[in-house]
Every structure is written in structure tokens, then in C-alpha cells.
Amino acid sequence: MKTVAELTNEIDEIKQKIDALKAEKADKEKEIGSLRASNIKLIINTADRERKPASISSGVNRITILQTENEQLEGALQILDGQLDTLQNEFAVASLKQELQTNYYEKLGPYLKKAYEILSGLQALNDYGKVVTELIEELGKMRNPLQSGLYQIFMKCKSYEVFQALEFPWGEELKKFQLCTAIMAHEKELETLLQEVKIFSNIFYGSEFSLIPTLSSTIPKEPMGPVKVSNKAILGSFSGDNETEANRMQQRADLGL
């Protein structure tokens, strides 16, 4: 398919040709009008003469030639207009394809790559989340040694001396269970992550259930059958049909020939 630049150049060339032919046609129409006025004046001035001046016939011939040339120019203009319409349609499609490439395909890759990276990360989190879930379940089934062990032992210590005799490093041991702050920090991070995942989900929910149906409704309907284009209007000026010939005969009669 031709590029936008190529089609732009071709369209400009066709437009220049159209402008040139229109200017030429306008000049001929102006000359026809001037010749017709001169011939009519000459016919009036020589109305009482039996022999008409040869200039009347030459004027009519010149008018006929100019009219024929203008008919050909009109035919050429119709052909050029048809070519221009075709090129402009091609240009519209080429422009849309270029815009599709720039504004969709070139942005689609990075956009979906990022989305699939997020999905991959979520899948990894879910996979390890299942492991964490199993570990938490296993931990929940285990008895807490603080309750099942130390509590019972401490209750049996009847005096501080007995407790000291155990040589139990209580300060060090209690630090081993001070995990709540770290766990809550992770819990907060997971809450934030869930909010971000919700945003991620909303983006593609909107794409799938709002944007896609809306876009689908804007696609032009497929025609029921093939559209046929006739060249009759373009080629009619060169057909030499009866109507054109009758017009010429009428014009000659109007000039008294």
C-alpha cells in the first residue's frame, strides 16, 4: 500500500491538474460567451442582407470547436475527480493505518508487557501465598510453648529463688516472641498491595466490560452486498450520444445557421 507521503504527493498533483483544467475551461467559456455575443450582434446588423458574412459561420465553427474542447475538458475533469476521490479514500485509510500503528500497536506492546509482568508477580505471590497459608495453618495447630511450657513451669516456681535456680534467660527468650510489629508491617504492606491489585483489576475490568463494548458499537456495520461503482458519469462526455448532438444543432439554429 502507498504511504501517506506518496498519496499526499499524488493528490497534490491531481489537484494541480484539476485547477489548470478548470482555468482553461473558464477561459474557453469566456471566449464562447464573447464570440456568441459578437455573432448575435453581427446577425442583427446584417439581418436585411441576403448574403451573410463568412465571419458568422467562422464564429459558429469556433464556438462549436470551443464547446467540443470544453466537453472534453469536462470529461477529463470528471476522470480526475474520480481519481482524486480514489486517492483521498486511500489517503484516509493510509492515515488511519499510520495512526493505528503509532497510537495503538506501538503502545500496545509496552502496555501489555507491564500488565503481564504484574500478573506474573501476582501469580508468584499466590503460589508462595499458598505455602505461607499452609505454614500458618500448621503453626495454628501447634501448641504455643509460652502457654503450654513456660506458663506451667512459672506457675510451679514458688519463689524467686526457685526461678533464679532455673537459670532461665527470660530477657533473651521473650525477645524471640516479639514478632508482632514485623508481622503487622507485612500485614499493612499486603493491605496496600491488595488496594493496588484492586486498581489493576479495575483497569482491565473497565477495558473488558466498558471500553470493548463501546468500541464494538462504533465499528461501521458490514454492508449487505458489494457496492458497485458505475463509470457512466465519468465517460459520458466522450459517448457522442444523441442528446449532445441535439444540443449542438440547437446552438447552430440559435445563431441562424
C-alpha atoms as a PDB file:
ATOM      1  CA  MET A   1       0.000   0.000   0.000  1.00  0.00           C
ATOM      2  CA  LYS A   2       1.182   3.537  -0.757  1.00  0.00           C
ATOM      3  CA  THR A   3       2.472   5.655   2.097  1.00  0.00           C
ATOM      4  CA  VAL A   4       0.762   8.800   3.356  1.00  0.00           C
ATOM      5  CA  ALA A   5       3.566  10.900   1.864  1.00  0.00           C
ATOM      6  CA  GLU A   6       3.240   9.228  -1.563  1.00  0.00           C
ATOM      7  CA  LEU A   7      -0.531   9.681  -1.572  1.00  0.00           C
ATOM      8  CA  THR A   8      -0.181  13.320  -0.494  1.00  0.00           C
ATOM      9  CA  ASN A   9       2.104  13.997  -3.465  1.00  0.00           C
ATOM     10  CA  GLU A  10      -0.254  12.252  -5.896  1.00  0.00           C
ATOM     11  CA  ILE A  11      -3.267  14.138  -4.517  1.00  0.00           C
ATOM     12  CA  ASP A  12      -1.430  17.446  -4.887  1.00  0.00           C
ATOM     13  CA  GLU A  13      -0.544  16.603  -8.492  1.00  0.00           C
ATOM     14  CA  ILE A  14      -4.166  15.712  -9.313  1.00  0.00           C
ATOM     15  CA  LYS A  15      -5.412  18.927  -7.687  1.00  0.00           C
ATOM     16  CA  GLN A  16      -2.931  20.969  -9.735  1.00  0.00           C
ATOM     17  CA  LYS A  17      -4.186  19.311 -12.923  1.00  0.00           C
ATOM     18  CA  ILE A  18      -7.793  19.951 -11.916  1.00  0.00           C
ATOM     19  CA  ASP A  19      -7.062  23.618 -11.185  1.00  0.00           C
ATOM     20  CA  ALA A  20      -5.272  24.001 -14.538  1.00  0.00           C
ATOM     21  CA  LEU A  21      -8.110  22.366 -16.498  1.00  0.00           C
ATOM     22  CA  LYS A  22     -10.740  24.404 -14.657  1.00  0.00           C
ATOM     23  CA  ALA A  23      -8.852  27.601 -15.505  1.00  0.00           C
ATOM     24  CA  GLU A  24      -8.594  26.520 -19.165  1.00  0.00           C
ATOM     25  CA  LYS A  25     -12.298  25.641 -19.225  1.00  0.00           C
ATOM     26  CA  ALA A  26     -13.211  29.018 -17.716  1.00  0.00           C
ATOM     27  CA  ASP A  27     -11.142  30.808 -20.377  1.00  0.00           C
ATOM     28  CA  LYS A  28     -12.894  28.877 -23.158  1.00  0.00           C
ATOM     29  CA  GLU A  29     -16.325  29.598 -21.647  1.00  0.00           C
ATOM     30  CA  LYS A  30     -15.434  33.269 -21.528  1.00  0.00           C
ATOM     31  CA  GLU A  31     -14.340  33.160 -25.175  1.00  0.00           C
ATOM     32  CA  ILE A  32     -17.524  31.309 -26.142  1.00  0.00           C
ATOM     33  CA  GLY A  33     -19.618  33.981 -24.476  1.00  0.00           C
ATOM     34  CA  SER A  34     -17.717  36.748 -26.252  1.00  0.00           C
ATOM     35  CA  LEU A  35     -17.977  35.020 -29.665  1.00  0.00           C
ATOM     36  CA  ARG A  36     -21.674  34.324 -29.211  1.00  0.00           C
ATOM     37  CA  ALA A  37     -22.346  37.970 -28.345  1.00  0.00           C
ATOM     38  CA  SER A  38     -20.334  39.128 -31.376  1.00  0.00           C
ATOM     39  CA  ASN A  39     -22.125  36.696 -33.701  1.00  0.00           C
ATOM     40  CA  ILE A  40     -25.549  37.732 -32.447  1.00  0.00           C
ATOM     41  CA  LYS A  41     -24.673  41.390 -32.946  1.00  0.00           C
ATOM     42  CA  LEU A  42     -23.374  40.656 -36.443  1.00  0.00           C
ATOM     43  CA  ILE A  43     -26.529  38.690 -37.321  1.00  0.00           C
ATOM     44  CA  ILE A  44     -28.690  41.603 -36.193  1.00  0.00           C
ATOM     45  CA  ASN A  45     -26.620  44.103 -38.171  1.00  0.00           C
ATOM     46  CA  THR A  46     -26.838  42.035 -41.362  1.00  0.00           C
ATOM     47  CA  ALA A  47     -30.415  40.877 -40.976  1.00  0.00           C
ATOM     48  CA  ASP A  48     -31.506  42.700 -44.150  1.00  0.00           C
ATOM     49  CA  ARG A  49     -28.742  41.203 -46.246  1.00  0.00           C
ATOM     50  CA  GLU A  50     -29.357  38.170 -48.402  1.00  0.00           C
ATOM     51  CA  ARG A  51     -25.741  37.074 -48.249  1.00  0.00           C
ATOM     52  CA  LYS A  52     -24.459  36.657 -44.726  1.00  0.00           C
ATOM     53  CA  PRO A  53     -20.860  37.475 -43.828  1.00  0.00           C
ATOM     54  CA  ALA A  54     -18.485  34.499 -43.678  1.00  0.00           C
ATOM     55  CA  SER A  55     -17.395  35.687 -40.244  1.00  0.00           C
ATOM     56  CA  ILE A  56     -20.707  34.430 -38.838  1.00  0.00           C
ATOM     57  CA  SER A  57     -20.001  30.870 -39.984  1.00  0.00           C
ATOM     58  CA  SER A  58     -16.407  31.064 -38.813  1.00  0.00           C
ATOM     59  CA  GLY A  59     -17.630  32.355 -35.442  1.00  0.00           C
ATOM     60  CA  VAL A  60     -20.085  29.482 -35.147  1.00  0.00           C
ATOM     61  CA  ASN A  61     -17.394  26.992 -36.092  1.00  0.00           C
ATOM     62  CA  ARG A  62     -15.073  28.482 -33.496  1.00  0.00           C
ATOM     63  CA  ILE A  63     -17.823  28.299 -30.865  1.00  0.00           C
ATOM     64  CA  THR A  64     -18.508  24.666 -31.787  1.00  0.00           C
ATOM     65  CA  ILE A  65     -14.815  23.815 -31.527  1.00  0.00           C
ATOM     66  CA  LEU A  66     -14.569  25.530 -28.140  1.00  0.00           C
ATOM     67  CA  GLN A  67     -17.688  23.758 -26.884  1.00  0.00           C
ATOM     68  CA  THR A  68     -16.287  20.425 -28.016  1.00  0.00           C
ATOM     69  CA  GLU A  69     -12.994  21.181 -26.306  1.00  0.00           C
ATOM     70  CA  ASN A  70     -14.862  22.179 -23.141  1.00  0.00           C
ATOM     71  CA  GLU A  71     -16.837  18.927 -23.238  1.00  0.00           C
ATOM     72  CA  GLN A  72     -13.554  17.073 -23.404  1.00  0.00           C
ATOM     73  CA  LEU A  73     -12.184  19.186 -20.576  1.00  0.00           C
ATOM     74  CA  GLU A  74     -15.312  18.386 -18.545  1.00  0.00           C
ATOM     75  CA  GLY A  75     -14.776  14.680 -19.256  1.00  0.00           C
ATOM     76  CA  ALA A  76     -11.138  14.982 -18.202  1.00  0.00           C
ATOM     77  CA  LEU A  77     -12.199  16.799 -15.014  1.00  0.00           C
ATOM     78  CA  GLN A  78     -14.689  14.047 -14.191  1.00  0.00           C
ATOM     79  CA  ILE A  79     -11.979  11.437 -14.619  1.00  0.00           C
ATOM     80  CA  LEU A  80      -9.573  13.450 -12.464  1.00  0.00           C
ATOM     81  CA  ASP A  81     -12.291  13.941  -9.846  1.00  0.00           C
ATOM     82  CA  GLY A  82     -12.781  10.190  -9.784  1.00  0.00           C
ATOM     83  CA  GLN A  83      -9.042   9.635  -9.423  1.00  0.00           C
ATOM     84  CA  LEU A  84      -8.944  12.266  -6.679  1.00  0.00           C
ATOM     85  CA  ASP A  85     -11.788  10.557  -4.794  1.00  0.00           C
ATOM     86  CA  THR A  86      -9.960   7.231  -5.036  1.00  0.00           C
ATOM     87  CA  LEU A  87      -6.686   8.747  -3.819  1.00  0.00           C
ATOM     88  CA  GLN A  88      -8.408  10.594  -0.988  1.00  0.00           C
ATOM     89  CA  ASN A  89     -10.066   7.345   0.111  1.00  0.00           C
ATOM     90  CA  GLU A  90      -6.682   5.613   0.003  1.00  0.00           C
ATOM     91  CA  PHE A  91      -5.173   8.547   1.899  1.00  0.00           C
ATOM     92  CA  ALA A  92      -7.866   8.298   4.592  1.00  0.00           C
ATOM     93  CA  VAL A  93      -7.172   4.569   5.039  1.00  0.00           C
ATOM     94  CA  ALA A  94      -3.383   5.060   4.974  1.00  0.00           C
ATOM     95  CA  SER A  95      -3.644   7.863   7.549  1.00  0.00           C
ATOM     96  CA  LEU A  96      -5.772   5.689   9.821  1.00  0.00           C
ATOM     97  CA  LYS A  97      -3.333   2.775   9.441  1.00  0.00           C
ATOM     98  CA  GLN A  98      -0.444   5.082  10.302  1.00  0.00           C
ATOM     99  CA  GLU A  99      -2.355   6.368  13.321  1.00  0.00           C
ATOM    100  CA  LEU A 100      -3.222   2.778  14.275  1.00  0.00           C
ATOM    101  CA  GLN A 101       0.456   1.848  14.166  1.00  0.00           C
ATOM    102  CA  THR A 102       1.578   4.907  16.144  1.00  0.00           C
ATOM    103  CA  ASN A 103      -1.213   5.231  18.693  1.00  0.00           C
ATOM    104  CA  TYR A 104      -2.131   1.569  19.179  1.00  0.00           C
ATOM    105  CA  TYR A 105       0.379  -1.073  18.145  1.00  0.00           C
ATOM    106  CA  GLU A 106       3.481   0.826  19.297  1.00  0.00           C
ATOM    107  CA  LYS A 107       1.868   1.468  22.695  1.00  0.00           C
ATOM    108  CA  LEU A 108       0.166  -1.919  22.978  1.00  0.00           C
ATOM    109  CA  GLY A 109       3.393  -3.907  23.450  1.00  0.00           C
ATOM    110  CA  PRO A 110       4.763  -1.957  26.451  1.00  0.00           C
ATOM    111  CA  TYR A 111       1.277  -1.689  27.989  1.00  0.00           C
ATOM    112  CA  LEU A 112       0.523  -5.418  27.870  1.00  0.00           C
ATOM    113  CA  LYS A 113       4.111  -6.305  28.814  1.00  0.00           C
ATOM    114  CA  LYS A 114       3.661  -4.343  32.030  1.00  0.00           C
ATOM    115  CA  ALA A 115       0.276  -5.951  32.653  1.00  0.00           C
ATOM    116  CA  TYR A 116       1.663  -9.467  32.204  1.00  0.00           C
ATOM    117  CA  GLU A 117       4.632  -8.643  34.455  1.00  0.00           C
ATOM    118  CA  ILE A 118       2.119  -7.704  37.154  1.00  0.00           C
ATOM    119  CA  LEU A 119       0.123 -10.883  36.536  1.00  0.00           C
ATOM    120  CA  SER A 120       3.298 -12.927  36.758  1.00  0.00           C
ATOM    121  CA  GLY A 121       4.194 -11.251  40.045  1.00  0.00           C
ATOM    122  CA  LEU A 122       0.714 -11.871  41.424  1.00  0.00           C
ATOM    123  CA  GLN A 123       0.920 -15.498  40.356  1.00  0.00           C
ATOM    124  CA  ALA A 124       4.238 -15.845  42.179  1.00  0.00           C
ATOM    125  CA  LEU A 125       2.713 -14.205  45.250  1.00  0.00           C
ATOM    126  CA  ASN A 126      -0.277 -16.523  45.109  1.00  0.00           C
ATOM    127  CA  ASP A 127       1.916 -19.566  44.656  1.00  0.00           C
ATOM    128  CA  TYR A 128       4.041 -18.666  47.667  1.00  0.00           C
ATOM    129  CA  GLY A 129       0.935 -17.413  49.459  1.00  0.00           C
ATOM    130  CA  LYS A 130      -0.370 -20.975  49.394  1.00  0.00           C
ATOM    131  CA  VAL A 131       2.851 -22.105  51.081  1.00  0.00           C
ATOM    132  CA  VAL A 132       2.503 -19.350  53.688  1.00  0.00           C
ATOM    133  CA  THR A 133      -1.146 -20.316  54.234  1.00  0.00           C
ATOM    134  CA  GLU A 134      -0.161 -23.934  54.877  1.00  0.00           C
ATOM    135  CA  LEU A 135       2.605 -22.840  57.238  1.00  0.00           C
ATOM    136  CA  ILE A 136       0.183 -20.610  59.179  1.00  0.00           C
ATOM    137  CA  GLU A 137      -2.304 -23.477  59.410  1.00  0.00           C
ATOM    138  CA  GLU A 138       0.427 -25.779  60.680  1.00  0.00           C
ATOM    139  CA  LEU A 139       1.568 -23.156  63.181  1.00  0.00           C
ATOM    140  CA  GLY A 140      -2.014 -22.706  64.401  1.00  0.00           C
ATOM    141  CA  LYS A 141      -2.224 -26.419  65.143  1.00  0.00           C
ATOM    142  CA  MET A 142       0.945 -26.362  67.238  1.00  0.00           C
ATOM    143  CA  ARG A 143       0.790 -25.504  70.949  1.00  0.00           C
ATOM    144  CA  ASN A 144       2.410 -22.234  71.907  1.00  0.00           C
ATOM    145  CA  PRO A 145       5.404 -23.114  74.156  1.00  0.00           C
ATOM    146  CA  LEU A 146       4.862 -19.939  76.127  1.00  0.00           C
ATOM    147  CA  GLN A 147       1.477 -21.207  77.196  1.00  0.00           C
ATOM    148  CA  SER A 148       1.986 -24.932  77.199  1.00  0.00           C
ATOM    149  CA  GLY A 149       5.518 -24.856  78.601  1.00  0.00           C
ATOM    150  CA  LEU A 150       6.636 -21.706  80.391  1.00  0.00           C
ATOM    151  CA  TYR A 151       3.290 -20.868  81.910  1.00  0.00           C
ATOM    152  CA  GLN A 152       3.060 -24.213  83.646  1.00  0.00           C
ATOM    153  CA  ILE A 153       6.695 -24.043  84.734  1.00  0.00           C
ATOM    154  CA  PHE A 154       6.448 -20.478  86.046  1.00  0.00           C
ATOM    155  CA  MET A 155       3.328 -21.411  87.992  1.00  0.00           C
ATOM    156  CA  LYS A 156       5.316 -24.085  89.782  1.00  0.00           C
ATOM    157  CA  CYS A 157       8.028 -21.677  90.878  1.00  0.00           C
ATOM    158  CA  LYS A 158       7.052 -20.989  94.478  1.00  0.00           C
ATOM    159  CA  SER A 159       9.705 -18.314  94.966  1.00  0.00           C
ATOM    160  CA  TYR A 160      12.050 -16.052  93.058  1.00  0.00           C
ATOM    161  CA  GLU A 161      14.951 -18.111  94.285  1.00  0.00           C
ATOM    162  CA  VAL A 162      13.488 -21.145  92.558  1.00  0.00           C
ATOM    163  CA  PHE A 163      13.085 -19.130  89.365  1.00  0.00           C
ATOM    164  CA  GLN A 164      16.711 -17.958  89.612  1.00  0.00           C
ATOM    165  CA  ALA A 165      17.838 -21.505  90.162  1.00  0.00           C
ATOM    166  CA  LEU A 166      16.397 -22.398  86.737  1.00  0.00           C
ATOM    167  CA  GLU A 167      18.955 -20.051  85.162  1.00  0.00           C
ATOM    168  CA  PHE A 168      16.336 -19.219  82.503  1.00  0.00           C
ATOM    169  CA  PRO A 169      17.348 -16.210  80.318  1.00  0.00           C
ATOM    170  CA  TRP A 170      13.910 -14.627  80.349  1.00  0.00           C
ATOM    171  CA  GLY A 171      15.029 -11.331  78.768  1.00  0.00           C
ATOM    172  CA  GLU A 172      16.564 -13.108  75.802  1.00  0.00           C
ATOM    173  CA  GLU A 173      13.771 -15.615  75.387  1.00  0.00           C
ATOM    174  CA  LEU A 174      10.939 -13.102  75.366  1.00  0.00           C
ATOM    175  CA  LYS A 175      12.623 -11.209  72.509  1.00  0.00           C
ATOM    176  CA  LYS A 176      12.238 -14.313  70.351  1.00  0.00           C
ATOM    177  CA  PHE A 177       8.455 -13.864  70.501  1.00  0.00           C
ATOM    178  CA  GLN A 178       8.357 -10.130  69.792  1.00  0.00           C
ATOM    179  CA  LEU A 179       7.372 -10.595  66.133  1.00  0.00           C
ATOM    180  CA  CYS A 180       4.060  -8.738  66.154  1.00  0.00           C
ATOM    181  CA  THR A 181       5.484  -5.421  64.880  1.00  0.00           C
ATOM    182  CA  ALA A 182       7.166  -7.100  61.915  1.00  0.00           C
ATOM    183  CA  ILE A 183       4.069  -9.168  61.146  1.00  0.00           C
ATOM    184  CA  MET A 184       1.802  -6.110  61.300  1.00  0.00           C
ATOM    185  CA  ALA A 185       4.162  -4.267  58.961  1.00  0.00           C
ATOM    186  CA  HIS A 186       3.792  -7.084  56.434  1.00  0.00           C
ATOM    187  CA  GLU A 187       0.042  -7.074  57.026  1.00  0.00           C
ATOM    188  CA  LYS A 188      -0.042  -3.358  56.218  1.00  0.00           C
ATOM    189  CA  GLU A 189       2.025  -3.899  53.089  1.00  0.00           C
ATOM    190  CA  LEU A 190      -0.327  -6.670  51.993  1.00  0.00           C
ATOM    191  CA  GLU A 191      -3.334  -4.409  52.567  1.00  0.00           C
ATOM    192  CA  THR A 192      -1.690  -1.747  50.390  1.00  0.00           C
ATOM    193  CA  LEU A 193      -0.852  -4.405  47.802  1.00  0.00           C
ATOM    194  CA  LEU A 194      -4.476  -5.564  47.768  1.00  0.00           C
ATOM    195  CA  GLN A 195      -5.585  -1.982  47.137  1.00  0.00           C
ATOM    196  CA  GLU A 196      -3.148  -1.723  44.226  1.00  0.00           C
ATOM    197  CA  VAL A 197      -4.301  -5.080  42.872  1.00  0.00           C
ATOM    198  CA  LYS A 198      -7.865  -3.737  43.023  1.00  0.00           C
ATOM    199  CA  ILE A 199      -6.775  -0.741  40.934  1.00  0.00           C
ATOM    200  CA  PHE A 200      -5.081  -3.126  38.485  1.00  0.00           C
ATOM    201  CA  SER A 201      -8.259  -5.207  38.342  1.00  0.00           C
ATOM    202  CA  ASN A 202     -10.435  -2.127  37.774  1.00  0.00           C
ATOM    203  CA  ILE A 203      -8.277  -1.038  34.835  1.00  0.00           C
ATOM    204  CA  PHE A 204      -8.910  -4.262  32.947  1.00  0.00           C
ATOM    205  CA  TYR A 205     -12.488  -4.549  34.173  1.00  0.00           C
ATOM    206  CA  GLY A 206     -13.107  -1.193  32.507  1.00  0.00           C
ATOM    207  CA  SER A 207     -11.309  -2.340  29.363  1.00  0.00           C
ATOM    208  CA  GLU A 208     -13.211  -5.622  29.071  1.00  0.00           C
ATOM    209  CA  PHE A 209     -16.697  -4.596  30.144  1.00  0.00           C
ATOM    210  CA  SER A 210     -16.843  -0.917  29.153  1.00  0.00           C
ATOM    211  CA  LEU A 211     -14.280   0.104  26.541  1.00  0.00           C
ATOM    212  CA  ILE A 212     -14.512  -3.029  24.377  1.00  0.00           C
ATOM    213  CA  PRO A 213     -18.365  -2.951  24.131  1.00  0.00           C
ATOM    214  CA  THR A 214     -18.233   0.786  23.404  1.00  0.00           C
ATOM    215  CA  LEU A 215     -15.596   0.310  20.705  1.00  0.00           C
ATOM    216  CA  SER A 216     -17.550  -2.581  19.210  1.00  0.00           C
ATOM    217  CA  SER A 217     -20.598  -0.340  18.862  1.00  0.00           C
ATOM    218  CA  THR A 218     -18.581   2.265  16.913  1.00  0.00           C
ATOM    219  CA  ILE A 219     -17.427  -0.180  14.215  1.00  0.00           C
ATOM    220  CA  PRO A 220     -19.357   0.561  10.966  1.00  0.00           C
ATOM    221  CA  LYS A 221     -21.865  -2.104  10.016  1.00  0.00           C
ATOM    222  CA  GLU A 222     -20.826  -4.513   7.262  1.00  0.00           C
ATOM    223  CA  PRO A 223     -22.783  -3.825   4.034  1.00  0.00           C
ATOM    224  CA  MET A 224     -25.336  -6.423   2.955  1.00  0.00           C
ATOM    225  CA  GLY A 225     -23.803  -6.791  -0.509  1.00  0.00           C
ATOM    226  CA  PRO A 226     -20.956  -5.460  -2.683  1.00  0.00           C
ATOM    227  CA  VAL A 227     -21.150  -1.778  -3.641  1.00  0.00           C
ATOM    228  CA  LYS A 228     -20.991  -1.286  -7.419  1.00  0.00           C
ATOM    229  CA  VAL A 229     -19.458   1.899  -8.855  1.00  0.00           C
ATOM    230  CA  SER A 230     -20.508   2.987 -12.359  1.00  0.00           C
ATOM    231  CA  ASN A 231     -18.164   4.835 -14.719  1.00  0.00           C
ATOM    232  CA  LYS A 232     -21.061   6.214 -16.796  1.00  0.00           C
ATOM    233  CA  ALA A 233     -20.790   9.672 -15.256  1.00  0.00           C
ATOM    234  CA  ILE A 234     -17.051   9.779 -15.938  1.00  0.00           C
ATOM    235  CA  LEU A 235     -17.185   8.539 -19.530  1.00  0.00           C
ATOM    236  CA  GLY A 236     -20.473  10.177 -20.594  1.00  0.00           C
ATOM    237  CA  SER A 237     -18.743  13.230 -22.085  1.00  0.00           C
ATOM    238  CA  PHE A 238     -16.985  11.058 -24.660  1.00  0.00           C
ATOM    239  CA  SER A 239     -20.003   8.976 -25.686  1.00  0.00           C
ATOM    240  CA  GLY A 240     -21.218  11.254 -28.514  1.00  0.00           C
ATOM    241  CA  ASP A 241     -24.837  10.461 -27.598  1.00  0.00           C
ATOM    242  CA  ASN A 242     -27.941  11.914 -29.309  1.00  0.00           C
ATOM    243  CA  GLU A 243     -28.560  14.454 -26.564  1.00  0.00           C
ATOM    244  CA  THR A 244     -25.163  16.114 -27.112  1.00  0.00           C
ATOM    245  CA  GLU A 245     -25.638  16.221 -30.872  1.00  0.00           C
ATOM    246  CA  ALA A 246     -29.114  17.714 -30.471  1.00  0.00           C
ATOM    247  CA  ASN A 247     -27.687  20.437 -28.259  1.00  0.00           C
ATOM    248  CA  ARG A 248     -25.131  21.339 -30.892  1.00  0.00           C
ATOM    249  CA  MET A 249     -27.806  21.532 -33.614  1.00  0.00           C
ATOM    250  CA  GLN A 250     -29.946  23.775 -31.414  1.00  0.00           C
ATOM    251  CA  GLN A 251     -26.991  26.104 -30.754  1.00  0.00           C
ATOM    252  CA  ARG A 252     -26.331  26.422 -34.503  1.00  0.00           C
ATOM    253  CA  ALA A 253     -30.022  27.150 -35.103  1.00  0.00           C
ATOM    254  CA  ASP A 254     -29.971  29.883 -32.447  1.00  0.00           C
ATOM    255  CA  LEU A 255     -27.180  31.580 -34.403  1.00  0.00           C
ATOM    256  CA  GLY A 256     -29.161  31.464 -37.652  1.00  0.00           C
ATOM    257  CA  LEU A 257     -27.186  28.710 -39.420  1.00  0.00           C
END
